[in-house]
N, C-alpha and C. Protein backbone atom coordinates (compact mmCIF):
# COMPACT_ATOMS: atom_id res chain seq x y z
N UNK A 1 -23.98 30.44 10.05
CA UNK A 1 -23.89 30.76 8.08
C UNK A 1 -25.32 30.92 8.18
N UNK A 2 -25.87 31.92 7.31
CA UNK A 2 -27.00 32.10 6.75
C UNK A 2 -27.41 31.39 5.38
N UNK A 3 -28.22 30.61 5.41
CA UNK A 3 -28.33 29.76 4.54
C UNK A 3 -28.99 30.25 3.56
N UNK A 4 -28.92 29.63 2.10
CA UNK A 4 -29.61 30.29 0.75
C UNK A 4 -30.32 29.47 0.44
N UNK A 5 -31.48 29.43 -0.15
CA UNK A 5 -32.71 28.46 -0.39
C UNK A 5 -32.86 29.06 -1.94
N UNK A 6 -33.64 30.48 -1.74
CA UNK A 6 -34.56 31.07 -2.95
C UNK A 6 -34.49 32.05 -2.63
N UNK A 7 -34.16 32.99 -3.54
CA UNK A 7 -33.74 34.83 -3.78
C UNK A 7 -34.91 35.14 -4.64
N UNK A 8 -35.16 36.40 -4.56
CA UNK A 8 -36.07 37.01 -5.86
C UNK A 8 -35.90 38.66 -5.41
N UNK A 9 -35.07 39.10 -6.35
CA UNK A 9 -34.58 40.38 -6.07
C UNK A 9 -33.72 41.09 -6.75
N UNK A 10 -33.71 42.58 -6.82
CA UNK A 10 -33.39 43.67 -7.59
C UNK A 10 -32.23 43.29 -7.94
N UNK A 11 -31.36 43.54 -9.77
CA UNK A 11 -30.29 42.93 -9.97
C UNK A 11 -29.70 43.90 -10.31
N UNK A 12 -28.70 43.86 -10.48
CA UNK A 12 -26.83 44.98 -10.40
C UNK A 12 -26.41 44.34 -11.42
N UNK A 13 -26.11 45.65 -12.49
CA UNK A 13 -24.79 44.78 -13.60
C UNK A 13 -23.63 45.67 -13.74
N UNK A 14 -22.87 44.59 -13.38
CA UNK A 14 -21.17 45.05 -13.22
C UNK A 14 -20.73 44.46 -14.32
N UNK A 15 -20.37 45.21 -15.75
CA UNK A 15 -20.30 44.66 -16.81
C UNK A 15 -18.44 44.72 -17.02
N UNK A 16 -17.88 44.10 -16.30
CA UNK A 16 -16.71 44.39 -16.01
C UNK A 16 -15.67 43.00 -15.73
N UNK A 17 -15.26 42.49 -16.87
CA UNK A 17 -14.13 40.89 -16.48
C UNK A 17 -13.38 41.61 -15.76
N UNK A 18 -12.94 40.78 -14.94
CA UNK A 18 -11.63 40.38 -13.83
C UNK A 18 -11.46 41.47 -12.90
N UNK A 19 -13.21 41.45 -12.20
CA UNK A 19 -12.94 42.39 -11.14
C UNK A 19 -12.22 41.56 -9.85
N UNK A 20 -10.97 42.27 -9.12
CA UNK A 20 -10.44 41.30 -8.09
C UNK A 20 -11.01 42.00 -7.08
N UNK A 21 -10.13 41.01 -5.72
CA UNK A 21 -10.75 40.99 -4.34
C UNK A 21 -10.19 42.72 -3.76
N UNK A 22 -9.43 42.92 -4.18
CA UNK A 22 -8.36 44.49 -3.55
C UNK A 22 -9.52 45.46 -4.31
N UNK A 23 -10.27 45.66 -5.93
CA UNK A 23 -11.44 46.58 -6.28
C UNK A 23 -12.67 46.02 -5.38
N UNK A 24 -13.24 44.60 -5.01
CA UNK A 24 -14.20 44.09 -4.52
C UNK A 24 -14.30 45.25 -2.73
N UNK A 25 -12.99 44.93 -2.19
CA UNK A 25 -12.80 45.57 -0.96
C UNK A 25 -11.30 46.26 -0.80
N UNK A 26 -10.99 46.78 -0.85
CA UNK A 26 -9.59 47.30 -0.79
C UNK A 26 -8.53 46.81 0.47
N UNK A 27 -7.19 47.10 0.14
CA UNK A 27 -6.27 46.67 1.12
C UNK A 27 -6.88 47.19 2.73
N UNK A 28 -6.89 48.37 2.54
CA UNK A 28 -7.28 49.41 3.52
C UNK A 28 -8.35 48.90 4.83
N UNK A 29 -8.84 47.86 4.31
CA UNK A 29 -10.21 48.03 5.42
C UNK A 29 -9.75 46.34 5.72
N UNK A 30 -8.56 46.01 5.85
CA UNK A 30 -8.55 44.74 6.06
C UNK A 30 -8.21 44.27 7.60
N UNK A 31 -8.31 45.41 8.36
CA UNK A 31 -8.07 45.34 9.37
C UNK A 31 -9.10 44.20 10.72
N UNK A 32 -10.40 44.23 10.09
CA UNK A 32 -11.77 44.47 10.88
C UNK A 32 -11.72 42.61 10.88
N UNK A 33 -12.03 41.46 11.50
CA UNK A 33 -12.17 40.23 11.58
C UNK A 33 -13.64 39.73 11.43
N UNK A 34 -14.47 41.05 12.07
CA UNK A 34 -15.64 41.57 12.32
C UNK A 34 -17.00 40.55 11.63
N UNK A 35 -16.87 40.74 10.27
CA UNK A 35 -17.27 39.87 9.12
C UNK A 35 -18.58 41.14 8.52
N UNK A 36 -18.42 42.25 9.44
CA UNK A 36 -19.93 43.31 9.21
C UNK A 36 -18.96 44.47 9.55
N UNK A 37 -19.67 45.31 8.85
CA UNK A 37 -19.40 46.84 8.46
C UNK A 37 -18.65 47.06 6.80
N UNK A 38 -18.36 46.23 6.21
CA UNK A 38 -18.07 46.24 5.12
C UNK A 38 -18.45 46.51 3.60
N UNK A 39 -19.72 46.67 3.94
CA UNK A 39 -21.04 47.06 2.50
C UNK A 39 -20.54 48.50 2.19
N UNK A 40 -19.82 49.45 3.13
CA UNK A 40 -20.34 50.62 2.62
C UNK A 40 -18.69 50.82 2.19
N UNK A 41 -17.68 50.02 2.11
CA UNK A 41 -16.57 50.14 1.33
C UNK A 41 -16.69 48.99 0.34
N UNK A 42 -17.81 49.16 0.10
CA UNK A 42 -18.12 47.63 -1.53
C UNK A 42 -17.73 48.31 -2.57
N UNK A 43 -16.52 47.46 -3.40
CA UNK A 43 -16.01 48.49 -4.86
C UNK A 43 -15.66 50.00 -4.38
N UNK A 44 -14.88 50.27 -3.18
CA UNK A 44 -14.44 51.52 -2.81
C UNK A 44 -14.03 52.46 -3.58
N UNK A 45 -13.00 51.43 -3.90
CA UNK A 45 -12.11 52.28 -5.44
C UNK A 45 -13.32 52.71 -6.94
N UNK A 46 -14.18 52.59 -6.85
CA UNK A 46 -14.95 52.52 -8.12
C UNK A 46 -16.01 53.65 -7.50
N UNK A 47 -16.30 53.66 -6.63
CA UNK A 47 -18.04 54.18 -6.38
C UNK A 47 -17.48 55.24 -5.71
N UNK A 48 -16.67 55.52 -5.00
CA UNK A 48 -15.69 57.03 -4.62
C UNK A 48 -15.24 57.59 -5.62
N UNK A 49 -15.07 59.13 -5.31
CA UNK A 49 -14.07 59.79 -6.54
C UNK A 49 -12.83 60.26 -5.00
N UNK A 50 -12.95 59.86 -3.84
CA UNK A 50 -12.17 60.04 -3.31
C UNK A 50 -11.03 58.83 -2.53
N UNK A 51 -9.99 58.60 -1.54
CA UNK A 51 -8.96 57.82 -1.26
C UNK A 51 -9.87 57.15 0.06
N UNK A 52 -11.34 56.27 -0.07
CA UNK A 52 -11.44 55.42 2.07
C UNK A 52 -10.54 55.10 2.62
N UNK A 53 -10.95 55.83 3.96
CA UNK A 53 -9.72 55.05 5.11
C UNK A 53 -10.92 54.16 5.84
N UNK A 54 -10.40 53.43 6.99
CA UNK A 54 -10.85 52.45 7.61
C UNK A 54 -11.73 53.75 8.78
N UNK A 55 -13.12 53.26 8.96
CA UNK A 55 -13.75 53.90 10.04
C UNK A 55 -14.08 54.83 10.00
N UNK A 56 -14.03 55.35 8.33
CA UNK A 56 -14.17 56.79 7.99
C UNK A 56 -15.87 56.76 7.72
N UNK A 57 -16.62 57.88 8.13
CA UNK A 57 -17.90 58.20 8.32
C UNK A 57 -18.20 58.36 6.61
N UNK A 58 -19.26 56.94 5.26
CA UNK A 58 -19.17 57.67 3.84
C UNK A 58 -20.28 58.39 3.58
N UNK A 59 -21.05 59.04 4.24
CA UNK A 59 -22.35 59.75 4.08
C UNK A 59 -22.02 60.81 3.77
N UNK A 60 -20.64 61.79 3.42
CA UNK A 60 -20.39 62.63 3.05
C UNK A 60 -19.32 62.69 1.97
N UNK A 61 -19.02 61.46 1.32
CA UNK A 61 -18.03 60.99 1.00
C UNK A 61 -18.64 61.27 -0.65
N UNK A 62 -17.96 61.82 -1.71
CA UNK A 62 -18.06 62.10 -3.22
C UNK A 62 -18.36 60.96 -4.13
N UNK A 63 -19.64 60.75 -4.53
CA UNK A 63 -19.84 59.77 -5.04
C UNK A 63 -19.42 59.97 -6.44
N UNK A 64 -19.05 58.78 -7.15
CA UNK A 64 -18.81 58.76 -8.60
C UNK A 64 -19.79 58.12 -9.53
N UNK A 65 -20.05 59.25 -10.41
CA UNK A 65 -21.07 59.02 -11.08
C UNK A 65 -21.30 58.51 -12.39
N UNK A 66 -20.04 57.98 -12.53
CA UNK A 66 -19.70 57.33 -13.93
C UNK A 66 -19.98 55.44 -13.66
N UNK A 67 -20.20 55.59 -12.30
CA UNK A 67 -20.47 54.03 -10.99
C UNK A 67 -21.58 53.04 -11.84
N UNK A 68 -21.46 52.12 -11.91
CA UNK A 68 -22.96 51.59 -12.74
C UNK A 68 -24.00 52.04 -11.25
N UNK A 69 -23.43 50.99 -10.78
CA UNK A 69 -23.52 50.36 -9.53
C UNK A 69 -24.57 52.05 -8.47
N UNK A 70 -23.90 53.06 -8.47
CA UNK A 70 -24.12 54.21 -8.05
C UNK A 70 -26.11 55.23 -8.24
N UNK A 71 -26.01 54.37 -9.77
CA UNK A 71 -27.48 54.86 -10.08
C UNK A 71 -28.40 54.70 -9.28
N UNK A 72 -29.65 55.46 -9.43
CA UNK A 72 -30.91 55.20 -8.22
C UNK A 72 -31.12 54.04 -8.44
N UNK A 73 -31.15 53.36 -9.50
CA UNK A 73 -32.05 52.58 -10.15
C UNK A 73 -31.22 51.06 -9.74
N UNK A 74 -30.39 51.08 -9.04
CA UNK A 74 -29.60 49.87 -8.50
C UNK A 74 -29.48 49.52 -6.62
N UNK A 75 -30.29 50.91 -6.82
CA UNK A 75 -30.07 50.61 -4.61
C UNK A 75 -31.18 49.53 -4.40
N UNK A 76 -30.51 49.31 -3.42
CA UNK A 76 -31.05 47.68 -2.92
C UNK A 76 -30.97 46.75 -3.41
N UNK A 77 -29.85 46.60 -4.75
CA UNK A 77 -29.74 45.15 -5.15
C UNK A 77 -29.67 44.61 -4.13
N UNK A 78 -29.87 42.73 -4.47
CA UNK A 78 -29.53 41.93 -3.83
C UNK A 78 -28.58 40.33 -4.93
N UNK A 79 -28.63 40.99 -6.29
CA UNK A 79 -28.21 39.81 -7.36
C UNK A 79 -27.26 40.91 -8.14
N UNK A 80 -26.03 40.66 -8.02
CA UNK A 80 -24.96 41.08 -9.10
C UNK A 80 -25.05 40.22 -10.06
N UNK A 81 -24.98 40.93 -11.34
CA UNK A 81 -24.10 39.75 -12.71
C UNK A 81 -22.83 41.04 -13.54
N UNK A 82 -22.03 39.75 -13.64
CA UNK A 82 -21.13 40.59 -13.60
C UNK A 82 -20.11 39.66 -14.77
N UNK A 83 -19.19 40.07 -15.03
CA UNK A 83 -18.35 39.26 -16.45
C UNK A 83 -17.41 38.25 -15.87
N UNK A 84 -16.09 37.69 -16.56
CA UNK A 84 -15.37 36.55 -16.74
C UNK A 84 -14.50 37.31 -15.00
N UNK A 85 -13.77 35.61 -14.40
CA UNK A 85 -13.09 36.00 -13.56
C UNK A 85 -13.01 36.67 -12.44
N UNK A 86 -14.43 37.02 -12.29
CA UNK A 86 -14.91 37.68 -10.97
C UNK A 86 -13.62 37.22 -9.41
N UNK A 87 -13.85 38.10 -8.93
CA UNK A 87 -13.16 37.69 -7.30
C UNK A 87 -11.79 37.39 -7.59
N UNK A 88 -10.87 37.37 -8.87
CA UNK A 88 -9.55 37.01 -8.60
C UNK A 88 -8.14 37.70 -7.86
N UNK A 89 -7.16 37.85 -7.80
CA UNK A 89 -6.54 38.70 -6.78
C UNK A 89 -6.61 37.97 -5.85
N UNK A 90 -5.99 38.42 -4.86
CA UNK A 90 -5.60 37.91 -3.09
C UNK A 90 -6.70 37.13 -2.54
N UNK A 91 -6.60 36.22 -1.51
CA UNK A 91 -7.93 35.39 -0.99
C UNK A 91 -8.16 35.84 0.42
N UNK A 92 -8.34 37.16 0.46
CA UNK A 92 -9.65 37.49 1.52
C UNK A 92 -11.06 37.44 1.79
N UNK A 93 -10.98 36.81 2.83
CA UNK A 93 -12.13 36.34 2.91
C UNK A 93 -13.11 37.84 3.10
N UNK A 94 -12.94 38.74 2.96
CA UNK A 94 -13.63 40.25 3.60
C UNK A 94 -14.29 40.50 2.31
N UNK A 95 -13.68 40.08 0.31
CA UNK A 95 -14.52 40.30 -0.14
C UNK A 95 -16.01 39.88 -0.20
N UNK A 96 -16.02 38.47 -0.24
CA UNK A 96 -17.80 38.10 0.40
C UNK A 96 -18.72 38.57 1.24
N UNK A 97 -17.59 38.55 2.26
CA UNK A 97 -17.79 39.72 3.24
C UNK A 97 -18.35 40.74 3.36
N UNK A 98 -17.86 41.62 2.78
CA UNK A 98 -18.20 43.38 1.72
C UNK A 98 -19.53 43.17 1.03
N UNK A 99 -19.90 42.11 0.42
CA UNK A 99 -20.95 42.01 -0.99
C UNK A 99 -22.15 41.58 -0.07
N UNK A 100 -22.12 40.93 1.22
CA UNK A 100 -23.31 40.38 2.40
C UNK A 100 -23.26 41.57 2.61
N UNK A 101 -22.42 42.07 3.20
CA UNK A 101 -22.82 43.34 4.45
C UNK A 101 -23.42 44.48 3.54
N UNK A 102 -23.22 44.44 1.87
CA UNK A 102 -24.27 45.19 1.25
C UNK A 102 -25.42 45.13 0.84
N UNK A 103 -25.83 43.80 0.93
CA UNK A 103 -27.43 43.04 0.66
C UNK A 103 -26.75 42.23 -0.85
N UNK A 104 -26.04 41.84 -1.15
CA UNK A 104 -25.76 40.88 -2.17
C UNK A 104 -25.84 39.38 -1.42
N UNK A 105 -26.86 38.75 -1.65
CA UNK A 105 -26.45 37.37 -1.40
C UNK A 105 -26.19 36.42 -2.99
N UNK A 106 -26.49 36.81 -3.97
CA UNK A 106 -26.40 36.16 -5.10
C UNK A 106 -25.08 37.14 -6.51
N UNK A 107 -24.36 36.06 -6.50
CA UNK A 107 -23.40 36.69 -7.87
C UNK A 107 -23.34 35.53 -9.15
N UNK A 108 -23.78 36.27 -10.23
CA UNK A 108 -24.22 35.13 -11.44
C UNK A 108 -22.64 35.94 -12.73
N UNK A 109 -21.86 35.17 -13.01
CA UNK A 109 -20.90 35.30 -14.28
C UNK A 109 -20.35 34.75 -14.76
N UNK A 110 -20.02 34.22 -15.63
CA UNK A 110 -19.15 33.19 -16.77
C UNK A 110 -18.39 31.84 -15.85
N UNK A 111 -17.78 33.22 -14.91
CA UNK A 111 -16.12 32.17 -13.77
C UNK A 111 -16.12 32.94 -12.89
N UNK A 112 -15.46 32.27 -11.80
CA UNK A 112 -14.52 33.30 -10.83
C UNK A 112 -13.61 32.39 -10.27
N UNK A 113 -12.88 33.16 -9.75
CA UNK A 113 -11.57 32.87 -9.01
C UNK A 113 -12.21 31.47 -8.08
N UNK A 114 -10.67 30.54 -8.40
CA UNK A 114 -11.34 29.40 -7.77
C UNK A 114 -11.21 29.56 -5.70
N UNK A 115 -10.48 30.21 -5.35
CA UNK A 115 -10.52 30.93 -3.65
C UNK A 115 -12.26 31.62 -3.14
N UNK A 116 -12.38 32.44 -4.02
CA UNK A 116 -13.07 33.43 -3.87
C UNK A 116 -14.56 32.66 -4.25
N UNK A 117 -14.32 31.57 -4.52
CA UNK A 117 -15.95 31.08 -5.50
C UNK A 117 -15.60 29.75 -4.26
N UNK A 118 -15.64 29.80 -3.39
CA UNK A 118 -15.25 28.98 -2.10
C UNK A 118 -15.78 29.52 -1.03
N UNK A 119 -15.20 30.43 -1.00
CA UNK A 119 -14.99 31.32 0.05
C UNK A 119 -16.56 31.72 0.12
N UNK A 120 -17.56 31.79 -1.29
CA UNK A 120 -18.72 32.55 -1.31
C UNK A 120 -19.21 31.23 -0.48
N UNK A 121 -19.53 30.21 -0.77
CA UNK A 121 -19.99 29.47 0.09
C UNK A 121 -19.91 29.03 0.99
N UNK A 122 -18.89 29.62 1.66
CA UNK A 122 -18.45 28.98 3.33
C UNK A 122 -19.09 30.55 4.08
N UNK A 123 -19.71 31.29 2.93
CA UNK A 123 -20.45 32.80 3.90
C UNK A 123 -21.18 33.17 3.40
N UNK A 124 -22.53 32.12 2.59
CA UNK A 124 -23.76 32.37 2.91
C UNK A 124 -24.32 32.95 1.46
N UNK A 125 -23.54 33.06 0.19
CA UNK A 125 -23.39 33.76 -1.06
C UNK A 125 -23.58 32.56 -2.27
N UNK A 126 -24.28 32.79 -2.67
CA UNK A 126 -24.11 31.26 -3.98
C UNK A 126 -23.91 32.15 -5.26
N UNK A 127 -22.22 31.64 -5.67
CA UNK A 127 -22.33 32.13 -6.92
C UNK A 127 -22.36 30.88 -7.54
N UNK A 128 -23.38 32.21 -9.13
CA UNK A 128 -23.98 31.26 -9.72
C UNK A 128 -22.91 31.53 -11.53
N UNK A 129 -22.77 30.10 -12.32
CA UNK A 129 -21.57 30.29 -13.20
C UNK A 129 -22.84 29.99 -14.58
N UNK A 130 -22.75 30.31 -15.48
CA UNK A 130 -23.55 30.35 -16.58
C UNK A 130 -22.48 31.30 -17.76
N UNK A 131 -23.07 30.32 -18.84
CA UNK A 131 -22.44 30.72 -20.32
C UNK A 131 -22.42 32.18 -20.51
N UNK A 132 -21.37 32.47 -21.00
CA UNK A 132 -20.94 33.92 -21.08
C UNK A 132 -22.58 34.61 -21.84
N UNK A 133 -22.53 34.02 -23.18
CA UNK A 133 -23.72 34.59 -23.99
C UNK A 133 -25.01 34.78 -22.92
N UNK A 134 -25.31 33.95 -22.01
CA UNK A 134 -26.62 34.29 -21.03
C UNK A 134 -26.19 35.23 -20.40
N UNK A 135 -24.79 35.27 -19.57
CA UNK A 135 -24.62 36.77 -19.11
C UNK A 135 -25.06 37.71 -19.33
N UNK A 136 -24.21 37.89 -21.14
CA UNK A 136 -24.34 38.70 -21.72
C UNK A 136 -26.16 39.24 -22.20
N UNK A 137 -26.68 38.29 -22.43
CA UNK A 137 -28.13 38.44 -22.55
C UNK A 137 -28.73 38.95 -20.72
N UNK A 138 -27.93 38.79 -20.04
CA UNK A 138 -28.67 39.11 -19.22
C UNK A 138 -28.69 40.52 -18.42
N UNK A 139 -27.53 40.88 -18.68
CA UNK A 139 -26.99 42.06 -18.60
C UNK A 139 -27.39 43.47 -19.65
N UNK A 140 -27.70 43.03 -20.72
CA UNK A 140 -28.67 43.66 -21.94
C UNK A 140 -29.82 43.88 -21.16
N UNK A 141 -30.97 42.67 -20.75
CA UNK A 141 -32.44 42.48 -20.22
C UNK A 141 -32.01 43.84 -18.78
N UNK A 142 -30.98 43.35 -18.32
CA UNK A 142 -30.84 45.10 -16.80
C UNK A 142 -30.76 45.98 -17.37
N UNK A 143 -30.49 46.80 -18.56
CA UNK A 143 -29.66 47.51 -19.10
C UNK A 143 -31.33 48.45 -18.99
N UNK A 144 -32.37 47.85 -19.99
CA UNK A 144 -33.33 47.72 -20.97
C UNK A 144 -34.27 48.10 -20.01
N UNK A 145 -34.43 47.10 -18.62
CA UNK A 145 -35.47 47.51 -17.91
C UNK A 145 -35.29 47.87 -16.31
N UNK A 146 -35.86 48.61 -16.36
CA UNK A 146 -35.49 49.37 -14.69
C UNK A 146 -36.16 48.75 -13.66
N UNK A 147 -35.61 48.00 -12.43
CA UNK A 147 -36.47 47.54 -12.05
C UNK A 147 -36.58 45.74 -12.15
N UNK A 148 -35.24 45.63 -12.61
CA UNK A 148 -35.31 44.21 -12.98
C UNK A 148 -35.08 43.16 -12.23
N UNK A 149 -35.73 42.53 -12.19
CA UNK A 149 -35.15 41.14 -11.11
C UNK A 149 -35.03 39.89 -11.33
N UNK A 150 -34.53 38.98 -10.87
CA UNK A 150 -34.55 37.12 -11.42
C UNK A 150 -35.03 36.97 -10.26
N UNK A 151 -35.39 35.38 -10.34
CA UNK A 151 -35.58 34.47 -8.90
C UNK A 151 -34.51 33.24 -9.11
N UNK A 152 -33.66 33.42 -8.09
CA UNK A 152 -32.63 32.58 -8.21
C UNK A 152 -33.09 31.14 -6.98
N UNK A 153 -33.40 29.86 -7.26
CA UNK A 153 -33.48 28.80 -6.79
C UNK A 153 -32.33 28.08 -6.85
N UNK A 154 -31.72 27.94 -5.60
CA UNK A 154 -30.36 26.11 -5.35
C UNK A 154 -31.22 25.19 -5.31
N UNK A 155 -32.22 24.65 -4.83
CA UNK A 155 -32.52 23.54 -4.55
C UNK A 155 -32.41 22.90 -6.38
N UNK A 156 -33.45 24.09 -7.08
CA UNK A 156 -33.35 23.64 -8.32
C UNK A 156 -32.75 24.00 -9.32
N UNK A 157 -31.97 24.41 -9.12
CA UNK A 157 -30.62 25.05 -9.16
C UNK A 157 -31.00 25.82 -10.89
N UNK A 158 -32.03 26.36 -10.36
CA UNK A 158 -32.45 27.68 -11.79
C UNK A 158 -32.48 29.07 -11.44
N UNK A 159 -32.37 29.87 -12.94
CA UNK A 159 -32.28 31.13 -12.07
C UNK A 159 -33.61 31.46 -13.30
N UNK A 160 -34.61 32.71 -13.10
CA UNK A 160 -35.85 32.98 -13.56
C UNK A 160 -36.07 34.09 -13.96
N UNK A 161 -35.76 34.53 -15.55
CA UNK A 161 -36.24 36.22 -15.95
C UNK A 161 -36.88 36.67 -15.85
N UNK A 162 -37.78 37.84 -15.50
CA UNK A 162 -39.09 38.04 -15.60
C UNK A 162 -40.18 38.02 -16.21
N UNK A 163 -39.36 37.44 -17.86
CA UNK A 163 -39.78 36.83 -18.82
C UNK A 163 -40.29 35.46 -18.91
N UNK A 164 -40.07 34.72 -18.16
CA UNK A 164 -39.94 33.26 -17.60
C UNK A 164 -39.09 32.31 -18.21
N UNK A 165 -37.69 33.05 -18.95
CA UNK A 165 -36.83 31.72 -19.08
C UNK A 165 -36.05 31.65 -18.34
N UNK A 166 -35.63 30.55 -18.22
CA UNK A 166 -35.37 29.64 -16.80
C UNK A 166 -33.33 29.56 -17.57
N UNK A 167 -32.75 29.55 -17.11
CA UNK A 167 -31.25 29.33 -16.59
C UNK A 167 -30.31 28.48 -15.97
N UNK A 168 -30.07 27.24 -16.29
CA UNK A 168 -30.07 26.20 -15.59
C UNK A 168 -28.43 26.60 -14.80
N UNK A 169 -28.05 26.18 -14.04
CA UNK A 169 -26.61 26.07 -13.69
C UNK A 169 -26.66 24.88 -12.72
N UNK A 170 -25.21 24.83 -12.47
CA UNK A 170 -24.67 23.47 -11.83
C UNK A 170 -23.51 23.78 -10.25
N UNK A 171 -24.04 23.37 -9.51
CA UNK A 171 -23.35 23.33 -8.46
C UNK A 171 -23.02 21.73 -7.39
N UNK A 172 -21.66 21.84 -6.66
CA UNK A 172 -21.46 20.39 -6.63
C UNK A 172 -22.63 20.23 -4.88
N UNK A 173 -22.83 18.70 -5.60
CA UNK A 173 -23.84 18.70 -3.95
C UNK A 173 -23.12 18.61 -2.85
N UNK A 174 -22.35 18.53 -2.16
CA UNK A 174 -21.67 19.06 -1.36
C UNK A 174 -22.23 20.46 -0.89
N UNK A 175 -21.71 21.32 -1.29
CA UNK A 175 -21.44 22.75 -1.42
C UNK A 175 -22.93 22.85 -1.31
N UNK A 176 -23.55 22.87 -1.86
CA UNK A 176 -25.34 22.83 -2.58
C UNK A 176 -25.93 22.68 -1.22
N UNK A 177 -25.59 21.62 -0.55
CA UNK A 177 -26.47 20.77 0.73
C UNK A 177 -25.55 21.94 1.86
N UNK A 178 -24.43 22.31 2.00
CA UNK A 178 -23.75 23.24 2.79
C UNK A 178 -24.62 24.74 3.04
N UNK A 179 -24.60 25.33 1.45
CA UNK A 179 -25.38 26.29 2.02
C UNK A 179 -26.98 26.46 1.70
N UNK A 180 -27.48 25.36 1.40
CA UNK A 180 -28.83 25.38 1.85
C UNK A 180 -29.62 25.17 3.26
N UNK A 181 -28.65 24.04 3.96
CA UNK A 181 -28.85 24.47 5.48
C UNK A 181 -27.81 25.09 6.30
N UNK A 182 -27.46 26.00 5.72
CA UNK A 182 -26.67 27.13 6.69
C UNK A 182 -25.30 26.65 7.12
N UNK A 183 -24.45 25.84 6.67
CA UNK A 183 -23.78 25.06 7.53
C UNK A 183 -21.93 25.60 6.72
N UNK A 184 -21.63 26.21 7.90
CA UNK A 184 -20.01 26.29 7.16
C UNK A 184 -18.94 25.21 7.75
N UNK A 185 -17.48 25.68 7.91
CA UNK A 185 -16.74 24.26 8.18
C UNK A 185 -17.30 24.29 10.12
N UNK A 186 -17.50 25.33 10.66
CA UNK A 186 -17.29 24.72 12.04
C UNK A 186 -19.26 24.22 12.50
N UNK A 187 -19.60 25.07 11.78
CA UNK A 187 -20.82 24.12 12.21
C UNK A 187 -21.11 22.80 11.77
N UNK A 188 -20.62 21.85 10.54
CA UNK A 188 -20.66 21.17 9.81
C UNK A 188 -19.45 19.93 10.67
N UNK A 189 -18.35 20.29 11.57
CA UNK A 189 -18.23 19.85 12.64
C UNK A 189 -19.04 19.72 14.05
N UNK A 190 -19.26 20.61 14.18
CA UNK A 190 -20.38 20.69 15.52
C UNK A 190 -21.41 19.86 15.09
N UNK A 191 -21.89 19.06 14.43
CA UNK A 191 -22.89 17.95 13.85
C UNK A 191 -22.71 16.21 14.13
N UNK A 192 -21.08 16.77 14.74
CA UNK A 192 -20.12 15.44 15.39
C UNK A 192 -20.12 15.81 16.92
N UNK A 193 -20.80 16.60 17.38
CA UNK A 193 -19.96 17.37 18.76
C UNK A 193 -20.28 15.94 19.74
N UNK A 194 -21.30 15.25 19.63
CA UNK A 194 -20.98 14.03 20.52
C UNK A 194 -20.25 13.14 20.10
N UNK A 195 -20.00 12.82 18.99
CA UNK A 195 -18.68 11.81 18.48
C UNK A 195 -17.56 12.44 18.92
N UNK A 196 -16.86 13.16 19.09
CA UNK A 196 -16.51 14.32 19.46
C UNK A 196 -15.80 14.35 20.77
N UNK A 197 -16.81 15.00 21.34
CA UNK A 197 -16.36 14.63 23.11
C UNK A 197 -16.32 13.22 23.84
N UNK A 198 -17.12 11.78 22.76
CA UNK A 198 -16.81 10.91 23.48
C UNK A 198 -15.27 10.24 22.61
N UNK A 199 -14.83 10.99 21.95
CA UNK A 199 -13.52 10.65 21.61
C UNK A 199 -12.77 11.20 22.48
N UNK A 200 -12.86 12.48 23.15
CA UNK A 200 -11.79 12.89 24.53
C UNK A 200 -12.01 12.65 25.77
N UNK A 201 -12.98 12.00 25.56
CA UNK A 201 -13.11 11.24 27.24
C UNK A 201 -12.60 9.49 27.14
N UNK A 202 -12.67 9.43 25.66
CA UNK A 202 -11.70 8.02 25.83
C UNK A 202 -10.55 8.11 26.15
N UNK A 203 -10.11 9.61 25.09
CA UNK A 203 -8.26 9.77 24.66
C UNK A 203 -8.37 9.92 26.51
N UNK A 204 -8.31 10.29 27.42
CA UNK A 204 -8.34 11.17 28.66
C UNK A 204 -7.97 9.73 29.57
N UNK A 205 -9.10 8.72 29.43
CA UNK A 205 -8.82 7.57 29.93
C UNK A 205 -7.84 6.64 30.02
N UNK A 206 -7.79 6.56 28.54
CA UNK A 206 -6.35 6.06 28.05
C UNK A 206 -5.20 6.64 27.95
N UNK A 207 -4.85 7.72 27.85
CA UNK A 207 -3.50 8.80 27.85
C UNK A 207 -3.77 9.96 29.04
N UNK A 208 -4.29 9.43 30.19
CA UNK A 208 -4.25 10.79 31.11
C UNK A 208 -3.55 12.00 31.40
N UNK A 209 -1.95 11.67 31.10
CA UNK A 209 -0.62 12.11 31.08
C UNK A 209 -0.68 13.77 29.92
N UNK A 210 -1.89 13.37 29.03
CA UNK A 210 -1.40 13.99 28.21
C UNK A 210 -2.40 15.65 28.45
N UNK A 211 -3.56 14.94 29.41
CA UNK A 211 -4.13 16.27 29.77
C UNK A 211 -3.91 16.50 30.99
N UNK A 212 -2.72 16.23 31.93
CA UNK A 212 -2.61 16.44 33.26
C UNK A 212 -2.77 18.25 33.27
N UNK A 213 -1.84 18.51 32.21
CA UNK A 213 -1.54 20.26 32.06
C UNK A 213 -2.48 21.12 31.74
N UNK A 214 -4.40 20.65 31.57
CA UNK A 214 -5.22 21.05 31.08
C UNK A 214 -6.24 21.23 32.41
N UNK A 215 -5.43 20.52 33.78
CA UNK A 215 -6.43 19.96 35.02
C UNK A 215 -6.09 21.32 35.77
């Protein structure tokens, strides 16, 4: 998993509450578990005027001119600022995969759905929870200032605006450690690989009949 330490990036707004995982990545694109290739279909139902299909070339699809992230000023964003309850709905891990593949490494909102929040940390994305009034402030500043950027520092638990204003946030220490070091569940387990191998060898000596079918 990619680690997250600090990020200075262009910010895009999505001033909409209750964005569910089917809006983030619609159900027809859930046929692959490769974790890549989903960025072109991020927010597919909002982003395009037609209905997208798996493995479709999106280059010629009609874009929705009313969708804010289709504006030229927001191309290349790596930080998304949105509203309450982002990532609600189904538990599909494809949602953070699509955000990451699109280039978004940090999402800032007043609140997140629990499963989506957990999935972000397991896939190298930092979800930042800020009070609603601070999120509204950021959304207003993004709209008023083209090329708006933020500096996000996980170690310092801070978001810094271009004016120098600092917004503090909280993250559980275990999640913080894992994301700073790029550790997903498998990589955490592999940190104990020597102990696991030692346990297996001991088990083979004590109960060899359990391993007979493997020989």
